[in-house]
Amino acid sequence: MLSIKKTTLPNRVRIVTIPMRSTEAITVMVMVRAGSRHETKSINGISHFLEHLFFKGGKRYPDPHSVAEAIDSIGGVFNAFTDNEFVGYYVKVAKEHINTAFDVISDMLINAKFDKDGLERERGVILEEYKMLHDDPKLLVGDAFERLIFGDQPLGWSVIGLPEVIKKVKRSDFVNYKNKLYTASNIVVAVAGNTNLSKVTKLTRQYLPFPKSTKPNRPLPYRPGRKAIRLNIVNKKTEQAHIALGVPTFGSRHRDKYAAKVLSAILGGGMSSRLFMSVRERHGLAYYVYSNDTHYVDAGYLAVHAGVDKDRIDLAIKTILEEFTKITRELVSQKELTKAKEYLIGHFVLAMEDSDAVAMRLGLQELLGNPIETVAYIKQQIKAVTAEQVRSLARRIFTADVLTLLVIGPYTRQKQFSDLLKQYQA
């Protein structure tokens, strides 16, 4: 069982340490409440751009090669990620190199130079990343679906931003954004692996002297609206159609969060799930099909993603809608319910064997103000979900007025797809 140790430094940086004696590795992760939800339209994409710039060098490691070489020379790995609600930076090394991990991540975040040449080179890199996203419909479908379901507000904006913003954002914009959000009360240092709280606290004090602040940054709250349009077609010449079909749900603190996870697993979790068997095995319509439930602090959704035969897309959508209808009308059998629960628990337990996954999950919960949930607690909550809870939730969320469909493929007529959605009956 994982033991979670926490403390808060005088400057308000929070530390979460998870000792893992069974591993020789250690992950040092710095998480910042500075994702794309904290942007305005004029700087949409700056969180992600800034994440890239931190790797360009500081004082002790003055260029990208020095940063990479410091980690490569001890056999470590390092990376970063930007999401709607947070940004994370991590270094994973053998336990004896924990000081180096702190040193490198400290120099990146505290002493970043944001020099003109590095900024301009990275501007080009991110514009190519934008093109890559829009060239790959399997990647684009999730991004476009969130824009459709959340609308024109920060939660619905793309993390990568828009080309016109990427092209014009200036060094002063990065400095101002960093000074505003990269402050102590917006930061959690999460360390998982073969270490202890005392050592982590000492190293955090030494290497990560973030400016003191009293109040964590809060994004504008999500404001759901009754949308007349819940359908969008991205016309693109493709050999396969890519779809995301789903419904809005609720935030990460909602009492039905675990029922949603079980519901999603029954529909599209694994190769024996309902959607995999009906869409792929029975009809041969898709190579990939799966369901995912996503929860931000104050909003969420459950969606089915699939890459389907572009000439039989109507049948694919009808088949998915039939599964929505079925799960709202019939109780799940005890056998199928148990299988879905064990699928979730098994995947979760396997993920929590890695120090980087542990640091990210528990650090993120602390960062966003969610209760830190232990492995035992999560297993208990999943096991407690009943068949009636699954059906009740399905009836509440799978309603015709909120069905949302994003299609990428060689299509121009919305009526083809709006007529399919109108046929849905829960």
Protein backbone atom coordinates (compact mmCIF):
# COMPACT_ATOMS: atom_id res chain seq x y z
CA MET A 1 0.00 0.00 0.00
CA LEU A 2 1.30 3.44 -0.95
CA SER A 3 2.00 5.85 1.88
CA ILE A 4 1.36 9.49 1.00
CA LYS A 5 3.29 12.19 2.85
CA LYS A 6 2.51 15.89 2.45
CA THR A 7 3.81 19.21 3.65
CA THR A 8 3.62 22.88 2.68
CA LEU A 9 6.65 25.18 2.67
CA PRO A 10 6.50 28.73 4.09
CA ASN A 11 6.29 30.14 0.56
CA ARG A 12 3.15 27.95 -0.02
CA VAL A 13 4.70 25.36 -2.36
CA ARG A 14 3.01 22.06 -1.62
CA ILE A 15 5.02 18.84 -1.53
CA VAL A 16 3.58 15.37 -2.03
CA THR A 17 5.96 12.47 -1.48
CA ILE A 18 5.08 8.85 -2.14
CA PRO A 19 7.84 6.50 -0.92
CA MET A 20 8.05 3.34 -3.04
CA ARG A 21 10.62 0.96 -1.58
CA SER A 22 10.02 -1.66 -4.27
CA THR A 23 11.69 0.44 -6.98
CA GLU A 24 15.19 1.76 -7.56
CA ALA A 25 13.80 4.70 -9.55
CA ILE A 26 12.53 8.11 -8.58
CA THR A 27 10.35 10.66 -10.38
CA VAL A 28 10.58 14.34 -9.57
CA MET A 29 7.56 16.17 -10.99
CA VAL A 30 6.69 19.86 -10.78
CA MET A 31 3.04 20.55 -11.55
CA VAL A 32 1.72 24.05 -12.19
CA ARG A 33 -1.83 25.31 -12.32
CA ALA A 34 -1.23 27.05 -15.64
CA GLY A 35 -2.94 25.14 -18.44
CA SER A 36 -4.94 26.55 -21.34
CA ARG A 37 -7.97 27.24 -19.11
CA HIS A 38 -5.92 30.09 -17.65
CA GLU A 39 -5.47 31.86 -20.98
CA THR A 40 -7.32 34.59 -22.82
CA LYS A 41 -7.98 34.39 -26.54
CA SER A 42 -5.17 36.80 -27.32
CA ILE A 43 -2.61 34.41 -25.78
CA ASN A 44 -4.33 31.05 -26.40
CA GLY A 45 -1.52 28.49 -26.67
CA ILE A 46 0.98 30.33 -24.47
CA SER A 47 0.92 27.65 -21.74
CA HIS A 48 2.05 25.02 -24.22
CA PHE A 49 4.57 27.32 -25.93
CA LEU A 50 6.07 28.25 -22.55
CA GLU A 51 6.43 24.58 -21.64
CA HIS A 52 8.61 24.14 -24.74
CA LEU A 53 10.73 27.19 -23.95
CA PHE A 54 11.73 25.91 -20.51
CA PHE A 55 13.79 23.22 -22.27
CA LYS A 56 15.90 25.80 -24.13
CA GLY A 57 18.30 26.31 -21.22
CA GLY A 58 19.02 28.36 -18.07
CA LYS A 59 22.21 29.30 -16.18
CA ARG A 60 23.76 25.98 -15.24
CA TYR A 61 22.51 24.18 -18.36
CA PRO A 62 22.55 27.01 -20.92
CA ASP A 63 21.20 25.28 -24.03
CA PRO A 64 19.01 22.33 -25.07
CA HIS A 65 22.05 20.05 -25.54
CA SER A 66 23.28 20.73 -22.00
CA VAL A 67 19.84 20.00 -20.55
CA ALA A 68 19.49 16.75 -22.48
CA GLU A 69 23.08 15.65 -21.84
CA ALA A 70 22.70 16.11 -18.07
CA ILE A 71 19.85 13.59 -18.03
CA ASP A 72 21.20 11.27 -20.74
CA SER A 73 24.51 10.93 -18.89
CA ILE A 74 22.77 9.36 -15.90
CA GLY A 75 20.36 7.22 -17.95
CA GLY A 76 17.31 9.25 -16.99
CA VAL A 77 14.26 10.43 -18.90
CA PHE A 78 12.60 13.81 -18.82
CA ASN A 79 9.58 15.39 -20.45
CA ALA A 80 6.72 17.79 -19.98
CA PHE A 81 3.03 18.04 -20.86
CA THR A 82 0.40 20.74 -21.08
CA ASP A 83 -3.29 20.14 -20.43
CA ASN A 84 -6.34 22.35 -20.06
CA GLU A 85 -5.93 22.67 -16.30
CA PHE A 86 -2.24 22.13 -15.62
CA VAL A 87 1.31 21.87 -16.90
CA GLY A 88 3.77 19.26 -15.67
CA TYR A 89 7.55 18.82 -15.86
CA TYR A 90 9.30 15.66 -14.74
CA VAL A 91 12.64 13.91 -14.52
CA LYS A 92 12.84 10.17 -13.81
CA VAL A 93 16.20 8.78 -12.68
CA ALA A 94 17.84 6.10 -10.56
CA LYS A 95 17.42 7.01 -6.89
CA GLU A 96 21.08 7.97 -6.41
CA HIS A 97 20.66 10.78 -8.96
CA ILE A 98 17.78 12.60 -7.27
CA ASN A 99 19.94 15.69 -6.72
CA THR A 100 20.65 15.94 -10.44
CA ALA A 101 16.96 15.59 -11.19
CA PHE A 102 16.16 18.54 -8.90
CA ASP A 103 19.10 20.54 -10.27
CA VAL A 104 18.06 20.20 -13.91
CA ILE A 105 14.36 20.85 -13.38
CA SER A 106 15.24 23.80 -11.13
CA ASP A 107 17.49 25.44 -13.71
CA MET A 108 14.83 24.96 -16.39
CA LEU A 109 12.02 26.56 -14.40
CA ILE A 110 13.78 29.12 -12.20
CA ASN A 111 16.53 30.35 -14.55
CA ALA A 112 14.90 30.12 -17.99
CA LYS A 113 16.42 32.70 -20.36
CA PHE A 114 13.75 32.91 -23.09
CA ASP A 115 16.43 34.14 -25.50
CA LYS A 116 15.30 35.45 -28.87
CA ASP A 117 16.96 32.77 -31.03
CA GLY A 118 15.55 29.93 -28.95
CA LEU A 119 12.10 31.49 -28.98
CA GLU A 120 12.06 31.87 -32.75
CA ARG A 121 13.26 28.31 -33.35
CA GLU A 122 10.62 26.92 -31.01
CA ARG A 123 7.95 29.03 -32.70
CA GLY A 124 8.70 27.06 -35.85
CA VAL A 125 8.62 23.76 -33.97
CA ILE A 126 5.18 24.49 -32.53
CA LEU A 127 3.77 25.58 -35.87
CA GLU A 128 4.90 22.21 -37.23
CA GLU A 129 3.29 20.49 -34.24
CA TYR A 130 0.05 22.33 -35.08
CA LYS A 131 0.24 21.06 -38.66
CA MET A 132 0.92 17.52 -37.43
CA LEU A 133 -2.19 17.66 -35.23
CA HIS A 134 -4.34 18.86 -38.11
CA ASP A 135 -2.86 16.35 -40.55
CA ASP A 136 -3.69 13.42 -38.28
CA PRO A 137 -7.47 12.99 -37.94
CA LYS A 138 -7.11 10.49 -35.10
CA LEU A 139 -5.36 13.19 -33.06
CA LEU A 140 -7.56 16.04 -34.27
CA VAL A 141 -10.88 14.39 -33.48
CA GLY A 142 -10.43 14.67 -29.71
CA ASP A 143 -9.30 18.29 -29.89
CA ALA A 144 -12.19 19.27 -32.15
CA PHE A 145 -14.71 17.34 -30.05
CA GLU A 146 -13.78 19.30 -26.92
CA ARG A 147 -14.25 22.55 -28.82
CA LEU A 148 -17.68 21.37 -29.92
CA ILE A 149 -18.91 20.09 -26.56
CA PHE A 150 -17.53 22.95 -24.41
CA GLY A 151 -17.94 25.77 -26.90
CA ASP A 152 -16.05 29.03 -27.31
CA GLN A 153 -14.65 29.39 -23.81
CA PRO A 154 -11.26 28.47 -22.30
CA LEU A 155 -12.16 24.84 -21.57
CA GLY A 156 -13.07 24.40 -25.24
CA TRP A 157 -9.98 26.07 -26.68
CA SER A 158 -7.12 24.00 -28.07
CA VAL A 159 -4.10 23.53 -25.83
CA ILE A 160 -1.76 24.08 -28.77
CA GLY A 161 -3.44 27.39 -29.64
CA LEU A 162 -3.92 29.06 -33.02
CA PRO A 163 -1.24 29.80 -35.64
CA GLU A 164 -1.93 33.54 -35.54
CA VAL A 165 -1.25 33.60 -31.80
CA ILE A 166 1.80 31.35 -32.05
CA LYS A 167 3.25 33.66 -34.71
CA LYS A 168 2.84 36.91 -32.78
CA VAL A 169 3.36 36.10 -29.07
CA LYS A 170 6.39 37.98 -27.71
CA ARG A 171 9.05 37.37 -25.07
CA SER A 172 7.36 39.85 -22.73
CA ASP A 173 4.14 37.79 -22.95
CA PHE A 174 6.00 34.71 -21.71
CA VAL A 175 7.71 36.60 -18.90
CA ASN A 176 4.41 38.14 -17.74
CA TYR A 177 2.58 34.81 -17.90
CA LYS A 178 5.34 33.01 -16.00
CA ASN A 179 5.47 35.70 -13.31
CA LYS A 180 1.71 35.57 -12.88
CA LEU A 181 1.17 31.80 -12.73
CA TYR A 182 4.48 30.14 -11.85
CA THR A 183 4.22 31.18 -8.21
CA ALA A 184 4.39 29.05 -5.09
CA SER A 185 0.68 28.63 -4.35
CA ASN A 186 0.11 27.43 -7.92
CA ILE A 187 2.77 24.71 -7.67
CA VAL A 188 2.95 21.16 -6.36
CA VAL A 189 6.20 19.21 -6.22
CA ALA A 190 5.30 15.52 -6.40
CA VAL A 191 8.06 12.96 -5.89
CA ALA A 192 7.46 9.22 -6.09
CA GLY A 193 10.00 6.46 -5.71
CA ASN A 194 12.72 5.30 -3.37
CA THR A 195 12.99 8.38 -1.12
CA ASN A 196 11.34 10.08 1.86
CA LEU A 197 9.59 13.34 2.72
CA SER A 198 12.48 14.77 4.71
CA LYS A 199 14.91 14.49 1.80
CA VAL A 200 12.41 15.78 -0.74
CA THR A 201 11.55 18.77 1.46
CA LYS A 202 15.23 19.66 1.84
CA LEU A 203 15.86 19.45 -1.91
CA THR A 204 12.72 21.46 -2.74
CA ARG A 205 13.82 24.24 -0.40
CA GLN A 206 17.28 24.20 -1.95
CA TYR A 207 16.41 24.00 -5.63
CA LEU A 208 12.88 25.37 -6.12
CA PRO A 209 12.56 28.81 -4.47
CA PHE A 210 9.43 29.88 -6.32
CA PRO A 211 8.11 33.36 -5.50
CA LYS A 212 5.78 33.37 -2.51
CA SER A 213 2.08 33.85 -3.18
CA THR A 214 -0.99 33.49 -1.02
CA LYS A 215 -3.80 32.59 -3.40
CA PRO A 216 -3.73 29.92 -6.10
CA ASN A 217 -4.85 31.00 -9.54
CA ARG A 218 -8.43 30.11 -10.46
CA PRO A 219 -9.64 29.77 -14.04
CA LEU A 220 -12.92 31.23 -15.19
CA PRO A 221 -15.65 28.72 -14.32
CA TYR A 222 -17.12 26.66 -17.11
CA ARG A 223 -20.57 27.91 -18.06
CA PRO A 224 -22.65 25.25 -19.82
CA GLY A 225 -25.23 26.49 -22.28
CA ARG A 226 -28.07 24.99 -24.25
CA LYS A 227 -26.48 24.65 -27.67
CA ALA A 228 -28.55 24.49 -30.82
CA ILE A 229 -25.63 22.96 -32.72
CA ARG A 230 -24.08 19.78 -31.36
CA LEU A 231 -22.79 18.55 -34.69
CA ASN A 232 -19.68 19.52 -36.63
CA ILE A 233 -18.15 18.12 -39.79
CA VAL A 234 -14.47 18.69 -40.52
CA ASN A 235 -14.27 18.14 -44.26
CA LYS A 236 -11.01 16.36 -45.00
CA LYS A 237 -9.93 13.96 -47.71
CA THR A 238 -9.32 10.76 -45.77
CA GLU A 239 -9.45 7.03 -46.41
CA GLN A 240 -11.23 6.47 -43.12
CA ALA A 241 -13.81 8.51 -41.24
CA HIS A 242 -13.05 9.48 -37.65
CA ILE A 243 -15.86 10.20 -35.23
CA ALA A 244 -16.37 11.22 -31.63
CA LEU A 245 -19.91 10.77 -30.35
CA GLY A 246 -20.73 11.60 -26.76
CA VAL A 247 -22.51 13.62 -24.13
CA PRO A 248 -21.57 16.17 -21.45
CA THR A 249 -21.34 14.83 -17.89
CA PHE A 250 -19.83 16.41 -14.77
CA GLY A 251 -16.66 17.40 -12.95
CA SER A 252 -14.08 15.34 -11.09
CA ARG A 253 -15.70 15.77 -7.66
CA HIS A 254 -19.12 14.50 -8.65
CA ARG A 255 -20.55 11.60 -6.67
CA ASP A 256 -21.19 9.59 -9.86
CA LYS A 257 -17.60 9.77 -11.13
CA TYR A 258 -16.93 6.10 -10.53
CA ALA A 259 -20.26 5.01 -11.96
CA ALA A 260 -19.25 6.92 -15.12
CA LYS A 261 -15.97 5.02 -15.25
CA VAL A 262 -17.77 1.69 -15.01
CA LEU A 263 -20.33 2.76 -17.62
CA SER A 264 -17.55 3.79 -20.00
CA ALA A 265 -15.69 0.50 -19.43
CA ILE A 266 -18.82 -1.52 -20.22
CA LEU A 267 -19.34 0.40 -23.45
CA GLY A 268 -15.81 0.64 -24.77
CA GLY A 269 -13.12 -0.53 -22.39
CA GLY A 270 -11.10 -3.36 -23.88
CA MET A 271 -11.51 -5.87 -26.67
CA SER A 272 -14.51 -7.63 -25.13
CA SER A 273 -16.49 -4.43 -24.54
CA ARG A 274 -19.88 -3.89 -26.13
CA LEU A 275 -18.73 -1.39 -28.73
CA PHE A 276 -15.66 -3.37 -29.74
CA MET A 277 -17.79 -6.46 -30.26
CA SER A 278 -20.62 -4.69 -32.13
CA VAL A 279 -18.79 -2.06 -34.20
CA ARG A 280 -15.65 -4.04 -35.00
CA GLU A 281 -16.30 -7.75 -34.55
CA ARG A 282 -19.94 -7.99 -35.62
CA HIS A 283 -20.01 -5.42 -38.42
CA GLY A 284 -16.34 -5.00 -39.34
CA LEU A 285 -16.76 -1.23 -39.43
CA ALA A 286 -13.68 -0.05 -37.55
CA TYR A 287 -10.12 -0.83 -36.60
CA TYR A 288 -10.23 1.20 -33.40
CA VAL A 289 -13.25 1.96 -31.24
CA TYR A 290 -13.25 2.84 -27.57
CA SER A 291 -15.04 4.90 -24.94
CA ASN A 292 -13.50 7.36 -22.52
CA ASP A 293 -14.87 9.43 -19.65
CA THR A 294 -13.07 12.71 -19.06
CA HIS A 295 -13.46 14.88 -15.96
CA TYR A 296 -12.13 18.37 -15.45
CA VAL A 297 -12.70 20.15 -12.13
CA ASP A 298 -16.15 21.47 -13.03
CA ALA A 299 -17.14 19.72 -16.27
CA GLY A 300 -16.72 16.51 -18.18
CA TYR A 301 -17.96 14.24 -20.93
CA LEU A 302 -18.26 10.62 -21.98
CA ALA A 303 -17.43 9.95 -25.62
CA VAL A 304 -16.96 7.11 -28.05
CA HIS A 305 -14.09 7.45 -30.54
CA ALA A 306 -13.83 5.35 -33.67
CA GLY A 307 -12.10 5.22 -37.05
CA VAL A 308 -14.67 3.71 -39.39
CA ASP A 309 -15.32 2.75 -43.01
CA LYS A 310 -16.16 6.09 -44.63
CA ASP A 311 -18.77 4.45 -46.87
CA ARG A 312 -20.56 2.83 -43.91
CA ILE A 313 -20.33 5.65 -41.39
CA ASP A 314 -24.12 5.76 -41.03
CA LEU A 315 -24.20 2.17 -39.83
CA ALA A 316 -21.35 2.85 -37.41
CA ILE A 317 -23.17 5.79 -35.83
CA LYS A 318 -26.43 3.86 -35.65
CA THR A 319 -24.65 0.94 -33.96
CA ILE A 320 -23.11 3.22 -31.32
CA LEU A 321 -26.47 4.87 -30.67
CA GLU A 322 -28.08 1.44 -30.32
CA GLU A 323 -25.59 0.62 -27.57
CA PHE A 324 -26.46 3.90 -25.83
CA THR A 325 -30.14 2.97 -25.99
CA LYS A 326 -29.56 -0.57 -24.74
CA ILE A 327 -27.62 0.48 -21.67
CA THR A 328 -30.33 2.99 -20.70
CA ARG A 329 -33.04 0.32 -20.85
CA GLU A 330 -31.50 -2.91 -19.58
CA LEU A 331 -29.66 -3.69 -16.38
CA VAL A 332 -26.10 -4.86 -16.91
CA SER A 333 -25.60 -8.49 -15.89
CA GLN A 334 -23.60 -9.18 -12.75
CA LYS A 335 -20.97 -10.96 -14.85
CA GLU A 336 -20.48 -8.02 -17.21
CA LEU A 337 -20.50 -5.54 -14.33
CA THR A 338 -17.81 -7.48 -12.48
CA LYS A 339 -15.71 -7.74 -15.62
CA ALA A 340 -15.86 -3.97 -16.17
CA LYS A 341 -14.87 -3.28 -12.56
CA GLU A 342 -11.95 -5.68 -12.66
CA TYR A 343 -10.85 -4.18 -15.99
CA LEU A 344 -10.71 -0.72 -14.37
CA ILE A 345 -9.03 -1.92 -11.20
CA GLY A 346 -6.46 -3.99 -13.07
CA HIS A 347 -5.45 -1.15 -15.39
CA PHE A 348 -5.27 1.28 -12.48
CA VAL A 349 -3.13 -1.02 -10.32
CA LEU A 350 -0.73 -1.74 -13.20
CA ALA A 351 -0.35 2.00 -13.91
CA MET A 352 0.42 2.70 -10.27
CA GLU A 353 3.48 0.46 -10.42
CA ASP A 354 5.39 3.25 -12.18
CA SER A 355 6.75 6.17 -10.17
CA ASP A 356 5.94 8.71 -12.88
CA ALA A 357 2.25 7.65 -12.99
CA VAL A 358 2.04 7.76 -9.19
CA ALA A 359 3.62 11.22 -9.00
CA MET A 360 1.33 12.57 -11.71
CA ARG A 361 -1.93 11.18 -10.33
CA LEU A 362 -1.39 12.18 -6.70
CA GLY A 363 0.33 15.46 -7.53
CA LEU A 364 -2.52 16.44 -9.82
CA GLN A 365 -5.14 15.71 -7.18
CA GLU A 366 -3.32 17.99 -4.75
CA LEU A 367 -2.81 20.70 -7.37
CA LEU A 368 -6.48 20.89 -8.37
CA GLY A 369 -7.79 20.73 -4.84
CA ASN A 370 -9.32 17.29 -5.18
CA PRO A 371 -9.13 14.86 -2.26
CA ILE A 372 -6.10 12.60 -2.59
CA GLU A 373 -7.48 9.14 -3.24
CA THR A 374 -5.53 6.06 -2.22
CA VAL A 375 -5.42 2.86 -4.23
CA ALA A 376 -7.59 1.16 -1.60
CA TYR A 377 -10.18 3.95 -1.75
CA ILE A 378 -10.41 3.86 -5.55
CA LYS A 379 -10.80 0.09 -5.60
CA GLN A 380 -13.53 0.38 -2.98
CA GLN A 381 -15.41 3.04 -4.96
CA ILE A 382 -15.29 1.03 -8.19
CA LYS A 383 -16.43 -2.17 -6.49
CA ALA A 384 -19.36 -0.34 -4.87
CA VAL A 385 -20.96 0.66 -8.20
CA THR A 386 -24.21 -1.21 -8.84
CA ALA A 387 -25.99 -2.18 -12.06
CA GLU A 388 -28.84 0.14 -11.14
CA GLN A 389 -26.43 3.05 -10.70
CA VAL A 390 -25.02 2.39 -14.16
CA ARG A 391 -28.45 2.34 -15.78
CA SER A 392 -29.64 5.37 -13.83
CA LEU A 393 -26.60 7.37 -14.90
CA ALA A 394 -26.95 6.25 -18.52
CA ARG A 395 -30.58 7.42 -18.53
CA ARG A 396 -29.58 10.83 -17.20
CA ILE A 397 -26.73 11.52 -19.60
CA PHE A 398 -27.68 9.74 -22.84
CA THR A 399 -30.48 12.09 -23.85
CA ALA A 400 -31.22 13.21 -27.40
CA ASP A 401 -30.94 16.92 -26.64
CA VAL A 402 -27.26 16.73 -25.65
CA LEU A 403 -25.88 14.14 -28.08
CA THR A 404 -22.73 15.65 -29.61
CA LEU A 405 -21.12 14.37 -32.81
CA LEU A 406 -17.81 15.35 -34.41
CA VAL A 407 -17.02 13.85 -37.82
CA ILE A 408 -13.76 14.10 -39.78
CA GLY A 409 -13.86 12.83 -43.34
CA PRO A 410 -14.87 13.54 -46.96
CA TYR A 411 -18.32 14.89 -46.09
CA THR A 412 -20.07 18.22 -46.59
CA ARG A 413 -23.76 17.57 -45.83
CA GLN A 414 -24.72 18.05 -42.17
CA LYS A 415 -28.23 16.73 -42.81
CA GLN A 416 -26.87 13.21 -43.32
CA PHE A 417 -25.69 13.16 -39.70
CA SER A 418 -28.33 15.36 -38.06
CA ASP A 419 -30.98 12.94 -39.35
CA LEU A 420 -29.14 10.06 -37.67
CA LEU A 421 -29.03 11.89 -34.33
CA LYS A 422 -32.75 12.70 -34.58
CA GLN A 423 -33.50 8.98 -34.78
CA TYR A 424 -31.96 8.33 -31.36
CA GLN A 425 -34.37 7.14 -28.69
CA ALA A 426 -33.23 6.46 -25.14
